[in-house]
Amino acid sequence: MKKIILISAAVLLTAICSDAQVGRRFYVDAGWQFNGTFSNGFSENASGWGAYLEGGYYFLPRVAAGVFASFNTNNEYFPKQTYDLGDGTAVTTDMYHSLYQVPFGATLRYRFAWKKVQPYVEAKLGANYARQYELYSIFGARDSQWGFYASPEVGVVIHPFNKSNLGFQISAYYSYATNRSRTFGIDGISNAGFKLGLSF
């Protein structure tokens, strides 16, 4: 009788633990981010110079609140030409425009399934620190500012391994930040891109 009770308890505990491993109440996602800027005249090139980190807790089985942070850099090259710098000064050179962004803040996520494959939608709100560089061959100029950041995201987290919460994340997003720069003619920053990473 003792053996039956012990075996039954072990089977039940194994089943509970294995079910709990897929989709635990907390999550941490991190990885590579590909970002493109558009609707601005400063730097419009897409770039893979980005990364992200986010984590949260499912206070309901399908609804989680958390925090996020990411960064990305977008560069654009301009061939050699003559630039008027004012006061009768001009320079002939090539030039780079570089737009660096660091958004961070809070997230709200809804997952459609609590299984090995978990499609989700997510909303992000927070702040965006942006810095712009105008780099000539011998000198440069820069500006930086803060703005409000909002981003919807759709994605899926896949947990292929039994008894492990390690998984893979794929997602796509759009974001808008209210950063403004008179110096470089920026009136808001729109981004779109995708993320590939690991989920823990």
N, C-alpha and C. Protein backbone atom coordinates (compact mmCIF):
# COMPACT_ATOMS: atom_id res chain seq x y z
N MET A 1 0.82 -1.19 0.00
CA MET A 1 0.00 0.00 0.00
C MET A 1 0.87 1.27 0.00
N LYS A 2 1.96 1.21 0.81
CA LYS A 2 2.86 2.35 0.85
C LYS A 2 3.48 2.62 -0.51
N LYS A 3 3.86 1.52 -1.20
CA LYS A 3 4.46 1.68 -2.52
C LYS A 3 3.48 2.33 -3.49
N ILE A 4 2.23 1.93 -3.46
CA ILE A 4 1.20 2.48 -4.36
C ILE A 4 1.02 3.98 -4.08
N ILE A 5 0.96 4.34 -2.80
CA ILE A 5 0.78 5.75 -2.43
C ILE A 5 1.99 6.57 -2.86
N LEU A 6 3.21 6.02 -2.62
CA LEU A 6 4.41 6.75 -3.01
C LEU A 6 4.51 6.91 -4.52
N ILE A 7 4.21 5.84 -5.26
CA ILE A 7 4.26 5.90 -6.72
C ILE A 7 3.21 6.88 -7.24
N SER A 8 2.00 6.84 -6.69
CA SER A 8 0.94 7.76 -7.10
C SER A 8 1.34 9.21 -6.82
N ALA A 9 1.91 9.46 -5.64
CA ALA A 9 2.34 10.81 -5.29
C ALA A 9 3.46 11.29 -6.22
N ALA A 10 4.40 10.39 -6.55
CA ALA A 10 5.49 10.76 -7.44
C ALA A 10 4.99 11.09 -8.84
N VAL A 11 4.05 10.26 -9.35
CA VAL A 11 3.47 10.52 -10.67
C VAL A 11 2.72 11.84 -10.69
N LEU A 12 1.93 12.10 -9.64
CA LEU A 12 1.17 13.34 -9.55
C LEU A 12 2.10 14.54 -9.47
N LEU A 13 3.15 14.45 -8.66
CA LEU A 13 4.11 15.55 -8.52
C LEU A 13 4.84 15.80 -9.84
N THR A 14 5.23 14.74 -10.53
CA THR A 14 5.89 14.88 -11.83
C THR A 14 4.98 15.57 -12.83
N ALA A 15 3.71 15.17 -12.85
CA ALA A 15 2.76 15.79 -13.78
C ALA A 15 2.57 17.27 -13.48
N ILE A 16 2.48 17.61 -12.19
CA ILE A 16 2.30 19.01 -11.80
C ILE A 16 3.53 19.83 -12.18
N CYS A 17 4.72 19.30 -11.88
CA CYS A 17 5.95 20.03 -12.17
C CYS A 17 6.16 20.21 -13.66
N SER A 18 5.90 19.13 -14.43
CA SER A 18 6.11 19.24 -15.87
C SER A 18 5.12 20.21 -16.49
N ASP A 19 3.89 20.27 -15.97
CA ASP A 19 2.91 21.22 -16.50
C ASP A 19 3.30 22.64 -16.11
N ALA A 20 3.84 22.79 -14.90
CA ALA A 20 4.19 24.13 -14.42
C ALA A 20 5.40 24.69 -15.17
N GLN A 21 6.27 23.81 -15.69
CA GLN A 21 7.46 24.31 -16.37
C GLN A 21 7.12 25.06 -17.64
N VAL A 22 6.10 24.65 -18.37
CA VAL A 22 5.72 25.33 -19.60
C VAL A 22 4.79 26.47 -19.25
N GLY A 23 5.29 27.67 -19.32
CA GLY A 23 4.47 28.83 -19.03
C GLY A 23 4.41 29.14 -17.55
N ARG A 24 5.55 29.27 -16.92
CA ARG A 24 5.55 29.67 -15.52
C ARG A 24 4.96 31.06 -15.39
N ARG A 25 4.69 31.47 -14.18
CA ARG A 25 4.06 32.76 -13.96
C ARG A 25 4.96 33.94 -14.32
N PHE A 26 6.26 33.75 -14.29
CA PHE A 26 7.16 34.85 -14.66
C PHE A 26 7.88 34.50 -15.95
N TYR A 27 8.40 35.50 -16.62
CA TYR A 27 9.17 35.27 -17.85
C TYR A 27 10.25 36.33 -17.97
N VAL A 28 11.33 35.97 -18.65
CA VAL A 28 12.39 36.90 -19.03
C VAL A 28 12.72 36.60 -20.48
N ASP A 29 12.63 37.62 -21.33
CA ASP A 29 12.93 37.49 -22.76
C ASP A 29 14.09 38.42 -23.10
N ALA A 30 15.01 37.95 -23.93
CA ALA A 30 16.15 38.76 -24.34
C ALA A 30 16.64 38.31 -25.70
N GLY A 31 17.18 39.25 -26.49
CA GLY A 31 17.70 38.85 -27.78
C GLY A 31 18.05 40.01 -28.69
N TRP A 32 18.02 39.72 -29.99
CA TRP A 32 18.44 40.63 -31.06
C TRP A 32 17.22 41.35 -31.61
N GLN A 33 17.42 42.62 -31.96
CA GLN A 33 16.33 43.43 -32.49
C GLN A 33 16.75 44.10 -33.79
N PHE A 34 15.91 43.94 -34.83
CA PHE A 34 16.11 44.60 -36.12
C PHE A 34 15.12 45.75 -36.20
N ASN A 35 15.62 46.97 -36.43
CA ASN A 35 14.77 48.15 -36.37
C ASN A 35 14.92 49.02 -37.61
N GLY A 36 13.79 49.53 -38.09
CA GLY A 36 13.80 50.49 -39.18
C GLY A 36 13.06 51.76 -38.78
N THR A 37 13.64 52.90 -39.11
CA THR A 37 12.96 54.17 -38.86
C THR A 37 12.36 54.66 -40.17
N PHE A 38 11.22 55.33 -40.07
CA PHE A 38 10.62 55.91 -41.26
C PHE A 38 9.83 57.15 -40.87
N SER A 39 9.36 57.88 -41.86
CA SER A 39 8.62 59.13 -41.64
C SER A 39 9.47 60.18 -40.94
N ASN A 40 10.76 60.13 -41.12
CA ASN A 40 11.62 61.24 -40.67
C ASN A 40 12.72 61.43 -41.69
N GLY A 41 13.25 62.64 -41.76
CA GLY A 41 14.23 62.95 -42.79
C GLY A 41 15.66 62.87 -42.33
N PHE A 42 15.91 62.29 -41.14
CA PHE A 42 17.27 62.26 -40.62
C PHE A 42 17.99 60.97 -40.96
N SER A 43 17.47 59.85 -40.52
CA SER A 43 18.09 58.56 -40.79
C SER A 43 16.99 57.54 -41.04
N GLU A 44 16.88 57.05 -42.25
CA GLU A 44 15.77 56.16 -42.59
C GLU A 44 16.20 54.73 -42.87
N ASN A 45 17.44 54.41 -42.65
CA ASN A 45 17.92 53.06 -42.95
C ASN A 45 17.51 52.07 -41.87
N ALA A 46 17.18 50.86 -42.29
CA ALA A 46 16.94 49.77 -41.35
C ALA A 46 18.28 49.25 -40.85
N SER A 47 18.28 48.73 -39.63
CA SER A 47 19.55 48.31 -39.03
C SER A 47 19.34 47.15 -38.07
N GLY A 48 20.33 46.27 -38.03
CA GLY A 48 20.32 45.16 -37.09
C GLY A 48 21.13 45.42 -35.84
N TRP A 49 21.51 46.70 -35.60
CA TRP A 49 22.30 47.04 -34.42
C TRP A 49 21.36 47.31 -33.25
N GLY A 50 20.76 46.26 -32.70
CA GLY A 50 19.84 46.44 -31.60
C GLY A 50 19.72 45.20 -30.73
N ALA A 51 19.22 45.41 -29.52
CA ALA A 51 19.01 44.32 -28.56
C ALA A 51 17.88 44.71 -27.62
N TYR A 52 17.31 43.73 -26.95
CA TYR A 52 16.20 44.00 -26.03
C TYR A 52 16.26 43.06 -24.83
N LEU A 53 15.60 43.50 -23.75
CA LEU A 53 15.46 42.71 -22.53
C LEU A 53 14.13 43.09 -21.90
N GLU A 54 13.33 42.10 -21.53
CA GLU A 54 12.06 42.38 -20.87
C GLU A 54 11.70 41.22 -19.95
N GLY A 55 10.90 41.53 -18.98
CA GLY A 55 10.46 40.50 -18.04
C GLY A 55 9.12 40.89 -17.45
N GLY A 56 8.40 39.89 -16.97
CA GLY A 56 7.09 40.17 -16.40
C GLY A 56 6.57 39.02 -15.57
N TYR A 57 5.38 39.25 -15.02
CA TYR A 57 4.73 38.26 -14.16
C TYR A 57 3.27 38.15 -14.56
N TYR A 58 2.80 36.91 -14.75
CA TYR A 58 1.40 36.65 -15.09
C TYR A 58 0.57 36.66 -13.81
N PHE A 59 -0.04 37.80 -13.52
CA PHE A 59 -0.89 37.89 -12.34
C PHE A 59 -2.23 37.21 -12.58
N LEU A 60 -2.59 36.98 -13.85
CA LEU A 60 -3.66 36.08 -14.26
C LEU A 60 -3.03 35.06 -15.21
N PRO A 61 -3.65 33.89 -15.41
CA PRO A 61 -3.00 32.87 -16.26
C PRO A 61 -2.61 33.37 -17.65
N ARG A 62 -3.34 34.36 -18.20
CA ARG A 62 -3.04 34.84 -19.54
C ARG A 62 -2.59 36.29 -19.60
N VAL A 63 -2.62 37.01 -18.49
CA VAL A 63 -2.32 38.44 -18.49
C VAL A 63 -1.11 38.72 -17.60
N ALA A 64 -0.12 39.40 -18.17
CA ALA A 64 1.11 39.69 -17.43
C ALA A 64 1.43 41.18 -17.48
N ALA A 65 2.05 41.67 -16.43
CA ALA A 65 2.59 43.03 -16.38
C ALA A 65 4.09 42.92 -16.17
N GLY A 66 4.85 43.84 -16.77
CA GLY A 66 6.29 43.75 -16.64
C GLY A 66 7.00 45.03 -17.02
N VAL A 67 8.29 44.91 -17.28
CA VAL A 67 9.12 46.03 -17.67
C VAL A 67 9.95 45.64 -18.89
N PHE A 68 10.45 46.65 -19.61
CA PHE A 68 11.26 46.38 -20.80
C PHE A 68 12.31 47.46 -20.96
N ALA A 69 13.35 47.14 -21.72
CA ALA A 69 14.36 48.10 -22.15
C ALA A 69 14.98 47.56 -23.44
N SER A 70 15.33 48.47 -24.34
CA SER A 70 15.99 48.05 -25.58
C SER A 70 16.85 49.19 -26.10
N PHE A 71 17.63 48.90 -27.13
CA PHE A 71 18.36 49.96 -27.81
C PHE A 71 18.51 49.59 -29.27
N ASN A 72 18.65 50.58 -30.11
CA ASN A 72 18.96 50.36 -31.51
C ASN A 72 19.63 51.60 -32.09
N THR A 73 20.42 51.38 -33.12
CA THR A 73 21.13 52.45 -33.82
C THR A 73 20.85 52.33 -35.30
N ASN A 74 20.44 53.44 -35.91
CA ASN A 74 20.20 53.49 -37.34
C ASN A 74 21.15 54.50 -37.98
N ASN A 75 21.85 54.07 -39.02
CA ASN A 75 22.84 54.92 -39.68
C ASN A 75 22.46 55.13 -41.14
N GLU A 76 22.85 56.29 -41.66
CA GLU A 76 22.66 56.57 -43.08
C GLU A 76 23.89 57.30 -43.61
N TYR A 77 24.39 56.84 -44.75
CA TYR A 77 25.59 57.43 -45.35
C TYR A 77 25.20 58.39 -46.47
N PHE A 78 25.88 59.54 -46.50
CA PHE A 78 25.66 60.54 -47.55
C PHE A 78 26.98 60.74 -48.30
N PRO A 79 26.98 60.58 -49.62
CA PRO A 79 28.22 60.73 -50.40
C PRO A 79 28.80 62.15 -50.31
N LYS A 80 30.02 62.28 -50.77
CA LYS A 80 30.73 63.56 -50.68
C LYS A 80 29.99 64.66 -51.44
N GLN A 81 29.82 65.79 -50.78
CA GLN A 81 29.25 66.99 -51.38
C GLN A 81 29.67 68.18 -50.56
N THR A 82 29.30 69.37 -51.00
CA THR A 82 29.66 70.59 -50.29
C THR A 82 28.52 71.02 -49.39
N TYR A 83 28.84 71.24 -48.10
CA TYR A 83 27.86 71.65 -47.11
C TYR A 83 28.13 73.08 -46.67
N ASP A 84 27.08 73.89 -46.68
CA ASP A 84 27.18 75.28 -46.23
C ASP A 84 26.98 75.31 -44.72
N LEU A 85 27.97 75.73 -43.97
CA LEU A 85 27.91 75.76 -42.52
C LEU A 85 27.52 77.13 -41.97
N GLY A 86 27.22 78.08 -42.84
CA GLY A 86 26.85 79.42 -42.40
C GLY A 86 28.07 80.31 -42.23
N ASP A 87 27.84 81.63 -42.16
CA ASP A 87 28.91 82.62 -41.99
C ASP A 87 29.95 82.52 -43.11
N GLY A 88 29.51 82.15 -44.29
CA GLY A 88 30.43 82.06 -45.42
C GLY A 88 31.37 80.87 -45.37
N THR A 89 31.09 79.91 -44.48
CA THR A 89 31.95 78.73 -44.34
C THR A 89 31.30 77.53 -45.01
N ALA A 90 32.09 76.77 -45.74
CA ALA A 90 31.60 75.57 -46.40
C ALA A 90 32.66 74.47 -46.29
N VAL A 91 32.20 73.23 -46.35
CA VAL A 91 33.11 72.10 -46.31
C VAL A 91 32.64 71.04 -47.30
N THR A 92 33.58 70.43 -47.98
CA THR A 92 33.27 69.36 -48.92
C THR A 92 33.74 68.03 -48.32
N THR A 93 32.80 67.15 -48.05
CA THR A 93 33.12 65.89 -47.39
C THR A 93 31.93 64.94 -47.51
N ASP A 94 32.14 63.67 -47.15
CA ASP A 94 31.01 62.76 -47.00
C ASP A 94 30.53 62.85 -45.56
N MET A 95 29.39 62.19 -45.24
CA MET A 95 28.79 62.38 -43.93
C MET A 95 27.97 61.16 -43.54
N TYR A 96 27.89 60.92 -42.23
CA TYR A 96 27.02 59.89 -41.66
C TYR A 96 25.99 60.56 -40.76
N HIS A 97 24.76 60.08 -40.83
CA HIS A 97 23.75 60.40 -39.82
C HIS A 97 23.54 59.15 -38.97
N SER A 98 23.55 59.32 -37.67
CA SER A 98 23.35 58.20 -36.76
C SER A 98 22.28 58.56 -35.75
N LEU A 99 21.28 57.68 -35.61
CA LEU A 99 20.18 57.88 -34.67
C LEU A 99 20.21 56.73 -33.66
N TYR A 100 20.45 57.08 -32.40
CA TYR A 100 20.56 56.09 -31.32
C TYR A 100 19.36 56.27 -30.39
N GLN A 101 18.66 55.14 -30.07
CA GLN A 101 17.48 55.20 -29.23
C GLN A 101 17.55 54.16 -28.11
N VAL A 102 17.06 54.56 -26.92
CA VAL A 102 16.96 53.66 -25.78
C VAL A 102 15.58 53.83 -25.15
N PRO A 103 14.59 53.05 -25.60
CA PRO A 103 13.28 53.09 -24.94
C PRO A 103 13.22 52.14 -23.75
N PHE A 104 12.45 52.50 -22.74
CA PHE A 104 12.25 51.63 -21.58
C PHE A 104 10.95 52.02 -20.89
N GLY A 105 10.38 51.07 -20.16
CA GLY A 105 9.13 51.37 -19.47
C GLY A 105 8.40 50.12 -19.02
N ALA A 106 7.06 50.17 -19.10
CA ALA A 106 6.19 49.10 -18.60
C ALA A 106 5.50 48.37 -19.75
N THR A 107 5.16 47.09 -19.51
CA THR A 107 4.48 46.28 -20.51
C THR A 107 3.21 45.66 -19.93
N LEU A 108 2.28 45.37 -20.82
CA LEU A 108 1.09 44.60 -20.49
C LEU A 108 0.92 43.57 -21.60
N ARG A 109 0.96 42.28 -21.24
CA ARG A 109 0.94 41.20 -22.24
C ARG A 109 -0.27 40.30 -22.02
N TYR A 110 -0.85 39.85 -23.14
CA TYR A 110 -1.92 38.85 -23.11
C TYR A 110 -1.50 37.68 -23.99
N ARG A 111 -1.41 36.48 -23.41
CA ARG A 111 -1.08 35.30 -24.20
C ARG A 111 -2.35 34.50 -24.46
N PHE A 112 -2.46 33.98 -25.67
CA PHE A 112 -3.68 33.29 -26.09
C PHE A 112 -3.72 31.83 -25.65
N ALA A 113 -2.59 31.29 -25.25
CA ALA A 113 -2.54 29.89 -24.80
C ALA A 113 -1.48 29.76 -23.73
N TRP A 114 -1.71 28.81 -22.82
CA TRP A 114 -0.75 28.53 -21.75
C TRP A 114 -0.20 27.12 -22.01
N LYS A 115 0.48 27.00 -23.16
CA LYS A 115 1.00 25.72 -23.62
C LYS A 115 2.42 25.92 -24.12
N LYS A 116 2.93 24.93 -24.86
CA LYS A 116 4.29 25.05 -25.40
C LYS A 116 4.40 26.17 -26.43
N VAL A 117 3.35 26.39 -27.19
CA VAL A 117 3.31 27.50 -28.16
C VAL A 117 2.37 28.56 -27.62
N GLN A 118 2.91 29.76 -27.38
CA GLN A 118 2.14 30.83 -26.73
C GLN A 118 2.15 32.10 -27.59
N PRO A 119 1.20 32.24 -28.51
CA PRO A 119 1.07 33.52 -29.21
C PRO A 119 0.58 34.59 -28.25
N TYR A 120 1.01 35.83 -28.48
CA TYR A 120 0.64 36.91 -27.55
C TYR A 120 0.54 38.25 -28.26
N VAL A 121 -0.11 39.18 -27.61
CA VAL A 121 -0.08 40.60 -27.99
C VAL A 121 0.39 41.36 -26.77
N GLU A 122 1.06 42.49 -27.03
CA GLU A 122 1.66 43.23 -25.92
C GLU A 122 1.61 44.73 -26.21
N ALA A 123 1.42 45.52 -25.18
CA ALA A 123 1.47 46.98 -25.28
C ALA A 123 2.58 47.48 -24.38
N LYS A 124 3.36 48.45 -24.89
CA LYS A 124 4.47 49.02 -24.12
C LYS A 124 4.30 50.53 -24.04
N LEU A 125 4.51 51.07 -22.86
CA LEU A 125 4.48 52.51 -22.63
C LEU A 125 5.69 52.89 -21.79
N GLY A 126 6.28 54.03 -22.12
CA GLY A 126 7.43 54.45 -21.34
C GLY A 126 8.09 55.69 -21.90
N ALA A 127 9.39 55.77 -21.70
CA ALA A 127 10.19 56.91 -22.15
C ALA A 127 11.16 56.45 -23.23
N ASN A 128 11.59 57.40 -24.05
CA ASN A 128 12.57 57.10 -25.10
C ASN A 128 13.67 58.17 -25.07
N TYR A 129 14.89 57.72 -24.81
CA TYR A 129 16.03 58.61 -24.91
C TYR A 129 16.61 58.46 -26.31
N ALA A 130 16.78 59.57 -27.01
CA ALA A 130 17.32 59.52 -28.37
C ALA A 130 18.48 60.50 -28.50
N ARG A 131 19.48 60.08 -29.25
CA ARG A 131 20.61 60.96 -29.54
C ARG A 131 20.91 60.87 -31.03
N GLN A 132 21.13 62.02 -31.66
CA GLN A 132 21.43 62.08 -33.09
C GLN A 132 22.85 62.60 -33.27
N TYR A 133 23.56 61.97 -34.20
CA TYR A 133 24.91 62.40 -34.55
C TYR A 133 24.95 62.75 -36.04
N GLU A 134 25.64 63.84 -36.36
CA GLU A 134 25.95 64.20 -37.73
C GLU A 134 27.46 64.20 -37.83
N LEU A 135 28.03 63.19 -38.43
CA LEU A 135 29.48 62.97 -38.40
C LEU A 135 30.10 63.26 -39.76
N TYR A 136 30.93 64.30 -39.81
CA TYR A 136 31.73 64.60 -40.98
C TYR A 136 33.10 63.93 -40.82
N SER A 137 33.95 64.08 -41.81
CA SER A 137 35.25 63.39 -41.74
C SER A 137 36.15 63.98 -40.66
N ILE A 138 36.01 65.27 -40.34
CA ILE A 138 36.92 65.90 -39.38
C ILE A 138 36.21 66.47 -38.15
N PHE A 139 34.88 66.53 -38.15
CA PHE A 139 34.16 67.03 -36.98
C PHE A 139 32.72 66.51 -37.02
N GLY A 140 31.97 66.83 -35.99
CA GLY A 140 30.59 66.35 -35.95
C GLY A 140 29.71 67.23 -35.08
N ALA A 141 28.43 66.95 -35.11
CA ALA A 141 27.45 67.65 -34.28
C ALA A 141 26.50 66.61 -33.71
N ARG A 142 25.90 66.93 -32.56
CA ARG A 142 24.98 65.99 -31.96
C ARG A 142 23.88 66.73 -31.20
N ASP A 143 22.80 66.01 -30.97
CA ASP A 143 21.68 66.52 -30.17
C ASP A 143 21.05 65.33 -29.46
N SER A 144 20.45 65.57 -28.31
CA SER A 144 19.77 64.49 -27.59
C SER A 144 18.55 65.03 -26.89
N GLN A 145 17.57 64.18 -26.66
CA GLN A 145 16.32 64.58 -26.03
C GLN A 145 15.56 63.36 -25.51
N TRP A 146 14.56 63.64 -24.67
CA TRP A 146 13.67 62.63 -24.13
C TRP A 146 12.30 62.76 -24.78
N GLY A 147 11.60 61.62 -24.88
CA GLY A 147 10.24 61.64 -25.41
C GLY A 147 9.40 60.54 -24.80
N PHE A 148 8.11 60.61 -25.04
CA PHE A 148 7.16 59.56 -24.60
C PHE A 148 7.15 58.46 -25.66
N TYR A 149 7.06 57.19 -25.23
CA TYR A 149 7.18 56.04 -26.12
C TYR A 149 5.97 55.13 -25.98
N ALA A 150 5.41 54.68 -27.10
CA ALA A 150 4.30 53.72 -27.11
C ALA A 150 4.54 52.71 -28.23
N SER A 151 4.22 51.43 -27.95
CA SER A 151 4.51 50.39 -28.93
C SER A 151 3.57 49.20 -28.78
N PRO A 152 2.82 48.84 -29.83
CA PRO A 152 2.12 47.56 -29.85
C PRO A 152 3.04 46.48 -30.44
N GLU A 153 2.86 45.24 -29.98
CA GLU A 153 3.71 44.13 -30.43
C GLU A 153 2.88 42.86 -30.53
N VAL A 154 3.18 42.05 -31.54
CA VAL A 154 2.58 40.71 -31.66
C VAL A 154 3.72 39.72 -31.79
N GLY A 155 3.55 38.55 -31.19
CA GLY A 155 4.61 37.57 -31.27
C GLY A 155 4.19 36.21 -30.78
N VAL A 156 5.16 35.33 -30.70
CA VAL A 156 4.93 33.99 -30.21
C VAL A 156 6.16 33.53 -29.43
N VAL A 157 5.92 32.86 -28.31
CA VAL A 157 6.99 32.23 -27.53
C VAL A 157 6.78 30.72 -27.62
N ILE A 158 7.84 30.01 -27.97
CA ILE A 158 7.76 28.56 -28.17
C ILE A 158 8.67 27.88 -27.15
N HIS A 159 8.11 26.95 -26.39
CA HIS A 159 8.87 26.17 -25.41
C HIS A 159 8.93 24.72 -25.90
N PRO A 160 9.96 24.35 -26.67
CA PRO A 160 9.98 23.01 -27.28
C PRO A 160 10.45 21.90 -26.34
N PHE A 161 11.04 22.24 -25.22
CA PHE A 161 11.65 21.22 -24.37
C PHE A 161 10.75 20.88 -23.19
N ASN A 162 10.65 19.60 -22.90
CA ASN A 162 9.91 19.16 -21.72
C ASN A 162 10.71 19.47 -20.46
N LYS A 163 9.99 19.79 -19.40
CA LYS A 163 10.60 20.04 -18.10
C LYS A 163 11.62 21.18 -18.14
N SER A 164 11.40 22.14 -19.02
CA SER A 164 12.29 23.30 -19.11
C SER A 164 11.50 24.50 -19.59
N ASN A 165 11.77 25.64 -19.00
CA ASN A 165 11.08 26.86 -19.42
C ASN A 165 11.86 27.60 -20.50
N LEU A 166 13.00 27.05 -20.92
CA LEU A 166 13.76 27.67 -22.00
C LEU A 166 12.96 27.61 -23.30
N GLY A 167 12.88 28.74 -23.99
CA GLY A 167 12.14 28.78 -25.23
C GLY A 167 12.69 29.81 -26.19
N PHE A 168 11.96 30.02 -27.28
CA PHE A 168 12.36 30.96 -28.32
C PHE A 168 11.23 31.96 -28.54
N GLN A 169 11.62 33.20 -28.83
CA GLN A 169 10.64 34.26 -29.05
C GLN A 169 10.84 34.88 -30.43
N ILE A 170 9.72 35.08 -31.13
CA ILE A 170 9.70 35.79 -32.41
C ILE A 170 8.59 36.81 -32.32
N SER A 171 8.87 38.06 -32.67
CA SER A 171 7.82 39.08 -32.58
C SER A 171 8.07 40.21 -33.58
N ALA A 172 7.02 40.96 -33.85
CA ALA A 172 7.08 42.14 -34.70
C ALA A 172 6.43 43.30 -33.96
N TYR A 173 6.91 44.51 -34.20
CA TYR A 173 6.41 45.65 -33.44
C TYR A 173 6.38 46.92 -34.29
N TYR A 174 5.60 47.86 -33.84
CA TYR A 174 5.62 49.24 -34.32
C TYR A 174 5.77 50.12 -33.09
N SER A 175 6.47 51.23 -33.21
CA SER A 175 6.58 52.14 -32.07
C SER A 175 6.60 53.59 -32.55
N TYR A 176 6.16 54.46 -31.65
CA TYR A 176 6.23 55.89 -31.92
C TYR A 176 6.75 56.58 -30.67
N ALA A 177 7.69 57.50 -30.85
CA ALA A 177 8.24 58.29 -29.75
C ALA A 177 8.10 59.77 -30.09
N THR A 178 7.84 60.58 -29.09
CA THR A 178 7.58 62.01 -29.31
C THR A 178 8.84 62.86 -29.32
N ASN A 179 10.01 62.25 -29.44
CA ASN A 179 11.27 63.02 -29.45
C ASN A 179 11.27 64.05 -30.58
N ARG A 180 11.78 65.25 -30.27
CA ARG A 180 11.85 66.30 -31.25
C ARG A 180 13.21 66.98 -31.21
N SER A 181 13.74 67.31 -32.40
CA SER A 181 15.03 67.99 -32.50
C SER A 181 14.94 69.06 -33.59
N ARG A 182 14.99 70.32 -33.18
CA ARG A 182 15.02 71.41 -34.17
C ARG A 182 16.31 71.37 -34.97
N THR A 183 17.40 71.01 -34.32
CA THR A 183 18.70 70.99 -34.98
C THR A 183 18.72 70.08 -36.19
N PHE A 184 18.11 68.88 -36.05
CA PHE A 184 18.16 67.90 -37.13
C PHE A 184 16.79 67.67 -37.77
N GLY A 185 15.83 68.51 -37.48
CA GLY A 185 14.53 68.43 -38.15
C GLY A 185 13.74 67.18 -37.83
N ILE A 186 13.82 66.69 -36.60
CA ILE A 186 13.07 65.50 -36.20
C ILE A 186 11.82 65.93 -35.43
N ASP A 187 10.69 65.44 -35.89
CA ASP A 187 9.41 65.75 -35.24
C ASP A 187 8.69 64.43 -34.96
N GLY A 188 9.15 63.71 -33.95
CA GLY A 188 8.63 62.37 -33.66
C GLY A 188 9.43 61.32 -34.39
N ILE A 189 9.52 60.13 -33.78
CA ILE A 189 10.29 59.03 -34.38
C ILE A 189 9.39 57.80 -34.47
N SER A 190 9.16 57.33 -35.69
CA SER A 190 8.40 56.09 -35.92
C SER A 190 9.36 54.96 -36.24
N ASN A 191 9.13 53.82 -35.64
CA ASN A 191 9.96 52.64 -35.86
C ASN A 191 9.09 51.42 -36.14
N ALA A 192 9.64 50.47 -36.85
CA ALA A 192 9.01 49.16 -37.02
C ALA A 192 10.13 48.14 -37.18
N GLY A 193 9.90 46.93 -36.67
CA GLY A 193 10.94 45.93 -36.78
C GLY A 193 10.50 44.59 -36.23
N PHE A 194 11.46 43.71 -36.03
CA PHE A 194 11.16 42.39 -35.47
C PHE A 194 12.27 41.99 -34.50
N LYS A 195 11.95 41.02 -33.64
CA LYS A 195 12.86 40.57 -32.60
C LYS A 195 12.98 39.05 -32.64
N LEU A 196 14.17 38.57 -32.41
CA LEU A 196 14.45 37.13 -32.30
C LEU A 196 15.23 36.94 -31.01
N GLY A 197 14.76 36.07 -30.13
CA GLY A 197 15.47 35.91 -28.87
C GLY A 197 15.12 34.64 -28.12
N LEU A 198 15.60 34.59 -26.90
CA LEU A 198 15.37 33.46 -26.01
C LEU A 198 14.39 33.89 -24.91
N SER A 199 13.64 32.92 -24.43
CA SER A 199 12.71 33.16 -23.33
C SER A 199 13.06 32.21 -22.18
N PHE A 200 13.08 32.74 -20.97
CA PHE A 200 13.45 31.94 -19.81
C PHE A 200 12.31 31.94 -18.79
